[in-house]
PDB file of N, CA and C in Angstrom:
ATOM      1  N   MET A   1      14.808  14.896  15.773  1.00  0.00           N
ATOM      2  CA  MET A   1      13.773  14.363  15.447  1.00  0.00           C
ATOM      3  C   MET A   1      12.758  14.094  16.523  1.00  0.00           C
ATOM      4  N   LYS A   2      11.597  14.982  16.559  1.00  0.00           N
ATOM      5  CA  LYS A   2      10.486  14.842  17.845  1.00  0.00           C
ATOM      6  C   LYS A   2      10.022  13.436  17.830  1.00  0.00           C
ATOM      7  N   THR A   3       9.617  13.362  19.125  1.00  0.00           N
ATOM      8  CA  THR A   3       9.045  11.773  19.004  1.00  0.00           C
ATOM      9  C   THR A   3       7.714  11.634  18.543  1.00  0.00           C
ATOM     10  N   SER A   4       7.010  12.676  18.426  1.00  0.00           N
ATOM     11  CA  SER A   4       5.764  12.540  17.820  1.00  0.00           C
ATOM     12  C   SER A   4       5.713  12.287  16.292  1.00  0.00           C
ATOM     13  N   SER A   5       7.026  12.819  15.606  1.00  0.00           N
ATOM     14  CA  SER A   5       7.426  12.561  14.311  1.00  0.00           C
ATOM     15  C   SER A   5       7.817  11.068  14.106  1.00  0.00           C
ATOM     16  N   ILE A   6       8.686  10.551  15.065  1.00  0.00           N
ATOM     17  CA  ILE A   6       8.980   9.071  14.754  1.00  0.00           C
ATOM     18  C   ILE A   6       7.898   8.099  14.984  1.00  0.00           C
ATOM     19  N   VAL A   7       6.770   8.475  15.841  1.00  0.00           N
ATOM     20  CA  VAL A   7       5.704   7.637  15.863  1.00  0.00           C
ATOM     21  C   VAL A   7       4.736   7.675  14.845  1.00  0.00           C
ATOM     22  N   ALA A   8       4.587   8.971  14.416  1.00  0.00           N
ATOM     23  CA  ALA A   8       3.773   9.221  13.169  1.00  0.00           C
ATOM     24  C   ALA A   8       4.564   8.269  11.898  1.00  0.00           C
ATOM     25  N   LEU A   9       5.777   8.312  11.868  1.00  0.00           N
ATOM     26  CA  LEU A   9       6.312   7.646  10.717  1.00  0.00           C
ATOM     27  C   LEU A   9       6.353   6.328  10.682  1.00  0.00           C
ATOM     28  N   SER A  10       6.360   5.804  12.034  1.00  0.00           N
ATOM     29  CA  SER A  10       6.248   4.002  12.610  1.00  0.00           C
ATOM     30  C   SER A  10       4.808   3.949  12.305  1.00  0.00           C
ATOM     31  N   VAL A  11       3.783   4.602  12.211  1.00  0.00           N
ATOM     32  CA  VAL A  11       2.344   4.188  12.183  1.00  0.00           C
ATOM     33  C   VAL A  11       2.258   4.366  10.680  1.00  0.00           C
ATOM     34  N   ALA A  12       2.756   5.377   9.847  1.00  0.00           N
ATOM     35  CA  ALA A  12       2.695   5.122   8.655  1.00  0.00           C
ATOM     36  C   ALA A  12       3.351   3.936   8.034  1.00  0.00           C
ATOM     37  N   ALA A  13       4.466   3.632   8.760  1.00  0.00           N
ATOM     38  CA  ALA A  13       5.104   2.319   7.799  1.00  0.00           C
ATOM     39  C   ALA A  13       4.401   1.280   7.935  1.00  0.00           C
ATOM     40  N   VAL A  14       3.774   1.095   9.181  1.00  0.00           N
ATOM     41  CA  VAL A  14       2.537  -0.212   9.452  1.00  0.00           C
ATOM     42  C   VAL A  14       1.503  -0.112   8.631  1.00  0.00           C
ATOM     43  N   VAL A  15       1.090   1.286   8.215  1.00  0.00           N
ATOM     44  CA  VAL A  15      -0.084   1.192   7.556  1.00  0.00           C
ATOM     45  C   VAL A  15       0.018   0.971   6.178  1.00  0.00           C
ATOM     46  N   ILE A  16       1.541   1.327   5.489  1.00  0.00           N
ATOM     47  CA  ILE A  16       1.915   0.917   4.337  1.00  0.00           C
ATOM     48  C   ILE A  16       1.914  -0.559   4.147  1.00  0.00           C
ATOM     49  N   VAL A  17       2.670  -1.038   5.201  1.00  0.00           N
ATOM     50  CA  VAL A  17       2.750  -2.505   5.094  1.00  0.00           C
ATOM     51  C   VAL A  17       1.486  -3.625   5.189  1.00  0.00           C
ATOM     52  N   ALA A  18       0.504  -3.062   6.050  1.00  0.00           N
ATOM     53  CA  ALA A  18      -0.778  -3.803   6.186  1.00  0.00           C
ATOM     54  C   ALA A  18      -1.521  -3.382   4.716  1.00  0.00           C
ATOM     55  N   GLY A  19      -1.446  -2.205   4.297  1.00  0.00           N
ATOM     56  CA  GLY A  19      -2.109  -1.981   2.994  1.00  0.00           C
ATOM     57  C   GLY A  19      -1.641  -2.912   1.785  1.00  0.00           C
ATOM     58  N   ALA A  20      -0.144  -3.022   1.992  1.00  0.00           N
ATOM     59  CA  ALA A  20       0.413  -4.220   0.813  1.00  0.00           C
ATOM     60  C   ALA A  20      -0.386  -5.670   0.862  1.00  0.00           C
ATOM     61  N   PHE A  21      -0.839  -6.129   2.150  1.00  0.00           N
ATOM     62  CA  PHE A  21      -1.226  -7.315   2.075  1.00  0.00           C
ATOM     63  C   PHE A  21      -2.978  -7.141   1.926  1.00  0.00           C
ATOM     64  N   TYR A  22      -3.325  -6.039   2.157  1.00  0.00           N
ATOM     65  CA  TYR A  22      -4.896  -5.919   1.785  1.00  0.00           C
ATOM     66  C   TYR A  22      -5.215  -5.307   0.511  1.00  0.00           C
ATOM     67  N   PHE A  23      -4.204  -4.848  -0.434  1.00  0.00           N
ATOM     68  CA  PHE A  23      -4.672  -4.345  -1.704  1.00  0.00           C
ATOM     69  C   PHE A  23      -3.975  -5.072  -2.804  1.00  0.00           C
ATOM     70  N   VAL A  24      -3.398  -6.099  -2.466  1.00  0.00           N
ATOM     71  CA  VAL A  24      -2.763  -7.222  -3.282  1.00  0.00           C
ATOM     72  C   VAL A  24      -3.413  -8.490  -3.273  1.00  0.00           C
ATOM     73  N   ASP A  25      -3.935  -8.871  -4.207  1.00  0.00           N
ATOM     74  CA  ASP A  25      -4.576 -10.460  -4.293  1.00  0.00           C
ATOM     75  C   ASP A  25      -3.722 -11.254  -5.447  1.00  0.00           C
ATOM     76  N   VAL A  26      -2.902 -12.197  -4.824  1.00  0.00           N
ATOM     77  CA  VAL A  26      -1.968 -13.017  -5.424  1.00  0.00           C
ATOM     78  C   VAL A  26      -2.620 -14.443  -5.686  1.00  0.00           C
ATOM     79  N   ASP A  27      -2.805 -15.114  -6.802  1.00  0.00           N
ATOM     80  CA  ASP A  27      -3.334 -16.281  -7.057  1.00  0.00           C
ATOM     81  C   ASP A  27      -2.276 -17.360  -7.846  1.00  0.00           C
ATOM     82  N   GLN A  28      -1.631 -18.016  -7.388  1.00  0.00           N
ATOM     83  CA  GLN A  28      -0.797 -19.104  -8.025  1.00  0.00           C
ATOM     84  C   GLN A  28      -1.628 -19.799  -9.042  1.00  0.00           C
ATOM     85  N   THR A  29      -1.346 -19.673 -10.372  1.00  0.00           N
ATOM     86  CA  THR A  29      -1.979 -20.215 -11.476  1.00  0.00           C
ATOM     87  C   THR A  29      -1.314 -21.772 -11.854  1.00  0.00           C
ATOM     88  N   ARG A  30      -0.048 -21.858 -11.421  1.00  0.00           N
ATOM     89  CA  ARG A  30       0.656 -23.080 -11.755  1.00  0.00           C
ATOM     90  C   ARG A  30       1.656 -23.474 -10.887  1.00  0.00           C
ATOM     91  N   GLU A  31       1.722 -24.561 -10.591  1.00  0.00           N
ATOM     92  CA  GLU A  31       2.837 -25.258  -9.515  1.00  0.00           C
ATOM     93  C   GLU A  31       4.243 -25.462 -10.044  1.00  0.00           C
ATOM     94  N   ALA A  32       5.316 -24.958  -9.261  1.00  0.00           N
ATOM     95  CA  ALA A  32       6.444 -25.061  -9.929  1.00  0.00           C
ATOM     96  C   ALA A  32       6.991 -26.458  -9.830  1.00  0.00           C
ATOM     97  N   ARG A  33       7.757 -26.601 -10.934  1.00  0.00           N
ATOM     98  CA  ARG A  33       8.452 -28.067 -11.114  1.00  0.00           C
ATOM     99  C   ARG A  33       9.937 -28.156 -11.155  1.00  0.00           C
ATOM    100  N   LEU A  34      10.783 -28.662 -10.476  1.00  0.00           N
ATOM    101  CA  LEU A  34      12.046 -28.791 -10.603  1.00  0.00           C
ATOM    102  C   LEU A  34      12.440 -29.630 -11.948  1.00  0.00           C
ATOM    103  N   PRO A  35      13.591 -29.313 -12.504  1.00  0.00           N
ATOM    104  CA  PRO A  35      13.979 -30.310 -13.582  1.00  0.00           C
ATOM    105  C   PRO A  35      14.281 -31.789 -13.265  1.00  0.00           C
ATOM    106  N   ASP A  36      14.339 -32.688 -14.056  1.00  0.00           N
ATOM    107  CA  ASP A  36      14.642 -33.978 -13.875  1.00  0.00           C
ATOM    108  C   ASP A  36      16.122 -33.887 -13.904  1.00  0.00           C
ATOM    109  N   VAL A  37      16.927 -34.469 -13.041  1.00  0.00           N
ATOM    110  CA  VAL A  37      18.165 -34.357 -13.165  1.00  0.00           C
ATOM    111  C   VAL A  37      18.758 -35.868 -13.431  1.00  0.00           C
ATOM    112  N   ASP A  38      19.382 -36.076 -14.325  1.00  0.00           N
ATOM    113  CA  ASP A  38      19.963 -37.662 -14.566  1.00  0.00           C
ATOM    114  C   ASP A  38      21.658 -37.160 -15.081  1.00  0.00           C
ATOM    115  N   VAL A  39      21.732 -37.800 -16.322  1.00  0.00           N
ATOM    116  CA  VAL A  39      22.922 -37.453 -16.910  1.00  0.00           C
ATOM    117  C   VAL A  39      22.504 -36.265 -17.724  1.00  0.00           C
ATOM    118  N   SER A  40      21.358 -36.048 -18.338  1.00  0.00           N
ATOM    119  CA  SER A  40      20.862 -35.201 -18.950  1.00  0.00           C
ATOM    120  C   SER A  40      19.722 -34.497 -18.149  1.00  0.00           C
ATOM    121  N   VAL A  41      19.455 -32.970 -18.698  1.00  0.00           N
ATOM    122  CA  VAL A  41      18.602 -32.248 -17.667  1.00  0.00           C
ATOM    123  C   VAL A  41      17.562 -31.758 -18.795  1.00  0.00           C
ATOM    124  N   GLU A  42      16.305 -32.195 -18.316  1.00  0.00           N
ATOM    125  CA  GLU A  42      15.032 -31.646 -18.912  1.00  0.00           C
ATOM    126  C   GLU A  42      14.864 -30.438 -18.311  1.00  0.00           C
ATOM    127  N   GLY A  43      13.738 -29.686 -19.005  1.00  0.00           N
ATOM    128  CA  GLY A  43      13.630 -28.321 -18.688  1.00  0.00           C
ATOM    129  C   GLY A  43      12.389 -28.064 -17.460  1.00  0.00           C
ATOM    130  N   GLY A  44      12.616 -27.549 -16.707  1.00  0.00           N
ATOM    131  CA  GLY A  44      11.887 -27.078 -15.489  1.00  0.00           C
ATOM    132  C   GLY A  44      10.700 -26.153 -15.779  1.00  0.00           C
ATOM    133  N   GLN A  45      10.099 -25.638 -14.776  1.00  0.00           N
ATOM    134  CA  GLN A  45       9.142 -24.920 -14.936  1.00  0.00           C
ATOM    135  C   GLN A  45       8.787 -24.025 -13.811  1.00  0.00           C
ATOM    136  N   SER A  46       8.620 -22.764 -13.867  1.00  0.00           N
ATOM    137  CA  SER A  46       8.620 -21.784 -12.891  1.00  0.00           C
ATOM    138  C   SER A  46       6.879 -21.380 -12.858  1.00  0.00           C
ATOM    139  N   PRO A  47       6.656 -21.269 -11.527  1.00  0.00           N
ATOM    140  CA  PRO A  47       5.145 -20.977 -11.439  1.00  0.00           C
ATOM    141  C   PRO A  47       4.768 -19.628 -12.017  1.00  0.00           C
ATOM    142  N   ASP A  48       3.243 -19.783 -12.191  1.00  0.00           N
ATOM    143  CA  ASP A  48       2.739 -18.711 -12.765  1.00  0.00           C
ATOM    144  C   ASP A  48       1.850 -17.965 -11.802  1.00  0.00           C
ATOM    145  N   PHE A  49       1.460 -16.616 -11.735  1.00  0.00           N
ATOM    146  CA  PHE A  49       0.856 -15.900 -10.886  1.00  0.00           C
ATOM    147  C   PHE A  49      -0.081 -14.775 -11.363  1.00  0.00           C
ATOM    148  N   ASP A  50      -1.225 -14.765 -10.934  1.00  0.00           N
ATOM    149  CA  ASP A  50      -2.400 -13.823 -11.606  1.00  0.00           C
ATOM    150  C   ASP A  50      -2.435 -12.757 -10.165  1.00  0.00           C
ATOM    151  N   VAL A  51      -1.990 -11.473 -10.654  1.00  0.00           N
ATOM    152  CA  VAL A  51      -1.731 -10.538  -9.642  1.00  0.00           C
ATOM    153  C   VAL A  51      -2.855  -9.409  -9.902  1.00  0.00           C
ATOM    154  N   GLU A  52      -3.845  -9.136  -8.892  1.00  0.00           N
ATOM    155  CA  GLU A  52      -4.761  -8.029  -9.018  1.00  0.00           C
ATOM    156  C   GLU A  52      -4.442  -6.972  -7.864  1.00  0.00           C
ATOM    157  N   THR A  53      -4.352  -5.753  -8.386  1.00  0.00           N
ATOM    158  CA  THR A  53      -3.901  -4.792  -7.092  1.00  0.00           C
ATOM    159  C   THR A  53      -5.128  -3.761  -6.950  1.00  0.00           C
ATOM    160  N   GLY A  54      -5.328  -3.147  -5.766  1.00  0.00           N
ATOM    161  CA  GLY A  54      -6.338  -2.411  -5.574  1.00  0.00           C
ATOM    162  C   GLY A  54      -6.251  -0.859  -6.185  1.00  0.00           C
ATOM    163  N   SER A  55      -7.015  -0.027  -6.153  1.00  0.00           N
ATOM    164  CA  SER A  55      -6.544   1.279  -6.672  1.00  0.00           C
ATOM    165  C   SER A  55      -6.825   2.189  -5.255  1.00  0.00           C
ATOM    166  N   VAL A  56      -5.871   3.419  -5.523  1.00  0.00           N
ATOM    167  CA  VAL A  56      -5.812   4.326  -4.601  1.00  0.00           C
ATOM    168  C   VAL A  56      -6.145   5.802  -5.412  1.00  0.00           C
ATOM    169  N   ASP A  57      -7.138   6.442  -4.734  1.00  0.00           N
ATOM    170  CA  ASP A  57      -7.578   7.919  -5.404  1.00  0.00           C
ATOM    171  C   ASP A  57      -6.533   8.655  -4.217  1.00  0.00           C
ATOM    172  N   VAL A  58      -5.927   9.646  -4.654  1.00  0.00           N
ATOM    173  CA  VAL A  58      -5.309  10.718  -3.605  1.00  0.00           C
ATOM    174  C   VAL A  58      -5.873  12.016  -4.168  1.00  0.00           C
ATOM    175  N   ASP A  59      -6.557  12.737  -3.361  1.00  0.00           N
ATOM    176  CA  ASP A  59      -7.221  14.171  -3.776  1.00  0.00           C
ATOM    177  C   ASP A  59      -7.121  15.114  -2.790  1.00  0.00           C
ATOM    178  N   SER A  60      -7.634  16.185  -2.808  1.00  0.00           N
ATOM    179  CA  SER A  60      -7.778  17.204  -1.867  1.00  0.00           C
ATOM    180  C   SER A  60      -9.161  17.606  -1.551  1.00  0.00           C
ATOM    181  N   THR A  61      -9.313  18.246  -0.218  1.00  0.00           N
ATOM    182  CA  THR A  61     -10.883  18.928  -0.369  1.00  0.00           C
ATOM    183  C   THR A  61     -10.500  19.939   0.775  1.00  0.00           C
ATOM    184  N   GLU A  62     -11.361  20.878   0.750  1.00  0.00           N
ATOM    185  CA  GLU A  62     -11.320  21.971   2.069  1.00  0.00           C
ATOM    186  C   GLU A  62     -11.863  21.753   3.014  1.00  0.00           C
ATOM    187  N   LYS A  63     -11.389  22.119   4.257  1.00  0.00           N
ATOM    188  CA  LYS A  63     -11.945  21.980   5.613  1.00  0.00           C
ATOM    189  C   LYS A  63     -11.423  22.960   6.356  1.00  0.00           C
ATOM    190  N   GLU A  64     -12.444  23.633   7.141  1.00  0.00           N
ATOM    191  CA  GLU A  64     -12.141  24.370   8.377  1.00  0.00           C
ATOM    192  C   GLU A  64     -11.259  24.107   9.342  1.00  0.00           C
ATOM    193  N   VAL A  65     -10.250  24.489   9.880  1.00  0.00           N
ATOM    194  CA  VAL A  65      -9.408  24.132  10.878  1.00  0.00           C
ATOM    195  C   VAL A  65      -9.030  25.390  11.596  1.00  0.00           C
ATOM    196  N   LEU A  66      -8.589  25.007  12.946  1.00  0.00           N
ATOM    197  CA  LEU A  66      -8.194  25.934  13.611  1.00  0.00           C
ATOM    198  C   LEU A  66      -6.572  26.538  13.374  1.00  0.00           C
ATOM    199  N   VAL A  67      -6.380  27.830  12.823  1.00  0.00           N
ATOM    200  CA  VAL A  67      -4.905  28.157  12.708  1.00  0.00           C
ATOM    201  C   VAL A  67      -4.474  28.899  13.807  1.00  0.00           C
ATOM    202  N   PRO A  68      -3.347  28.612  14.605  1.00  0.00           N
ATOM    203  CA  PRO A  68      -3.040  29.726  15.490  1.00  0.00           C
ATOM    204  C   PRO A  68      -2.716  30.955  15.216  1.00  0.00           C
ATOM    205  N   LYS A  69      -3.176  31.838  15.642  1.00  0.00           N
ATOM    206  CA  LYS A  69      -2.466  33.340  15.523  1.00  0.00           C
ATOM    207  C   LYS A  69      -2.789  33.804  16.597  1.00  0.00           C
ATOM    208  N   VAL A  70      -2.912  35.340  16.627  1.00  0.00           N
ATOM    209  CA  VAL A  70      -2.929  35.934  17.955  1.00  0.00           C
ATOM    210  C   VAL A  70      -4.293  35.640  18.657  1.00  0.00           C
ATOM    211  N   VAL A  71      -5.187  35.512  17.728  1.00  0.00           N
ATOM    212  CA  VAL A  71      -6.557  35.174  18.137  1.00  0.00           C
ATOM    213  C   VAL A  71      -6.900  34.174  17.475  1.00  0.00           C
ATOM    214  N   MET A  72      -7.489  32.951  17.870  1.00  0.00           N
ATOM    215  CA  MET A  72      -7.889  31.587  16.976  1.00  0.00           C
ATOM    216  C   MET A  72      -8.904  31.906  16.319  1.00  0.00           C
ATOM    217  N   GLU A  73      -8.860  31.734  15.026  1.00  0.00           N
ATOM    218  CA  GLU A  73      -9.983  31.903  13.952  1.00  0.00           C
ATOM    219  C   GLU A  73     -10.224  30.665  12.879  1.00  0.00           C
ATOM    220  N   GLU A  74     -11.148  30.401  12.466  1.00  0.00           N
ATOM    221  CA  GLU A  74     -11.303  29.168  11.631  1.00  0.00           C
ATOM    222  C   GLU A  74     -10.869  29.799  10.340  1.00  0.00           C
ATOM    223  N   GLU A  75     -10.416  28.896   9.841  1.00  0.00           N
ATOM    224  CA  GLU A  75      -9.815  29.021   8.318  1.00  0.00           C
ATOM    225  C   GLU A  75     -10.235  27.808   7.481  1.00  0.00           C
ATOM    226  N   THR A  76     -10.199  28.001   6.149  1.00  0.00           N
ATOM    227  CA  THR A  76     -10.615  27.021   5.454  1.00  0.00           C
ATOM    228  C   THR A  76      -9.136  26.767   4.783  1.00  0.00           C
ATOM    229  N   VAL A  77      -8.690  25.246   4.881  1.00  0.00           N
ATOM    230  CA  VAL A  77      -7.591  25.108   4.201  1.00  0.00           C
ATOM    231  C   VAL A  77      -7.539  23.781   3.300  1.00  0.00           C
ATOM    232  N   THR A  78      -6.718  23.293   2.412  1.00  0.00           N
ATOM    233  CA  THR A  78      -7.007  22.199   1.659  1.00  0.00           C
ATOM    234  C   THR A  78      -6.363  21.143   2.190  1.00  0.00           C
ATOM    235  N   VAL A  79      -6.841  20.150   2.350  1.00  0.00           N
ATOM    236  CA  VAL A  79      -6.151  18.960   3.146  1.00  0.00           C
ATOM    237  C   VAL A  79      -6.161  17.728   2.076  1.00  0.00           C
ATOM    238  N   PRO A  80      -5.326  16.556   2.390  1.00  0.00           N
ATOM    239  CA  PRO A  80      -5.304  15.603   1.120  1.00  0.00           C
ATOM    240  C   PRO A  80      -6.689  14.600   1.672  1.00  0.00           C
ATOM    241  N   THR A  81      -6.966  13.894   0.656  1.00  0.00           N
ATOM    242  CA  THR A  81      -8.114  12.776   0.886  1.00  0.00           C
ATOM    243  C   THR A  81      -7.669  11.577   0.495  1.00  0.00           C
ATOM    244  N   VAL A  82      -7.883  10.405   0.763  1.00  0.00           N
ATOM    245  CA  VAL A  82      -7.423   9.091   0.027  1.00  0.00           C
ATOM    246  C   VAL A  82      -8.731   8.068  -0.067  1.00  0.00           C
ATOM    247  N   ASP A  83      -9.030   7.603  -1.135  1.00  0.00           N
ATOM    248  CA  ASP A  83     -10.129   6.714  -1.575  1.00  0.00           C
ATOM    249  C   ASP A  83      -9.483   5.386  -1.895  1.00  0.00           C
ATOM    250  N   ALA A  84      -9.467   4.382  -1.184  1.00  0.00           N
ATOM    251  CA  ALA A  84      -9.133   2.943  -1.595  1.00  0.00           C
ATOM    252  C   ALA A  84     -10.029   2.004  -1.760  1.00  0.00           C
ATOM    253  N   GLU A  85      -9.728   1.312  -2.675  1.00  0.00           N
ATOM    254  CA  GLU A  85     -10.417  -0.168  -3.092  1.00  0.00           C
ATOM    255  C   GLU A  85      -9.787  -1.129  -3.085  1.00  0.00           C
ATOM    256  N   PRO A  86     -10.008  -2.166  -1.916  1.00  0.00           N
ATOM    257  CA  PRO A  86      -9.187  -3.639  -2.323  1.00  0.00           C
ATOM    258  C   PRO A  86      -9.207  -4.292  -3.738  1.00  0.00           C
ATOM    259  N   ALA A  87      -8.566  -4.983  -3.946  1.00  0.00           N
ATOM    260  CA  ALA A  87      -8.458  -5.726  -5.008  1.00  0.00           C
ATOM    261  C   ALA A  87      -9.567  -6.975  -5.283  1.00  0.00           C
ATOM    262  N   GLY A  88     -10.024  -7.224  -6.447  1.00  0.00           N
ATOM    263  CA  GLY A  88     -11.025  -8.223  -6.483  1.00  0.00           C
ATOM    264  C   GLY A  88     -12.157  -7.854  -5.801  1.00  0.00           C
TER     265      GLY A  88
END
């Protein structure tokens, strides 16, 4: 694997991790409570969370790029596009 491929994959991983923090909004709506333990056990309570996630639209568009041939020529190719909106 070439160094440029490793760098590109590393950058992609960092972008995905950063996106996870940017696109997800988590609000805790109830505190956790441990059960009261004596001789008997009373029920505890798990926390509740409201989670909103952002939306990501992946599409494609045509762009003119240089394609290596015997002679360089401009050619229209389809490239992916991403439109992202953060949560809330």
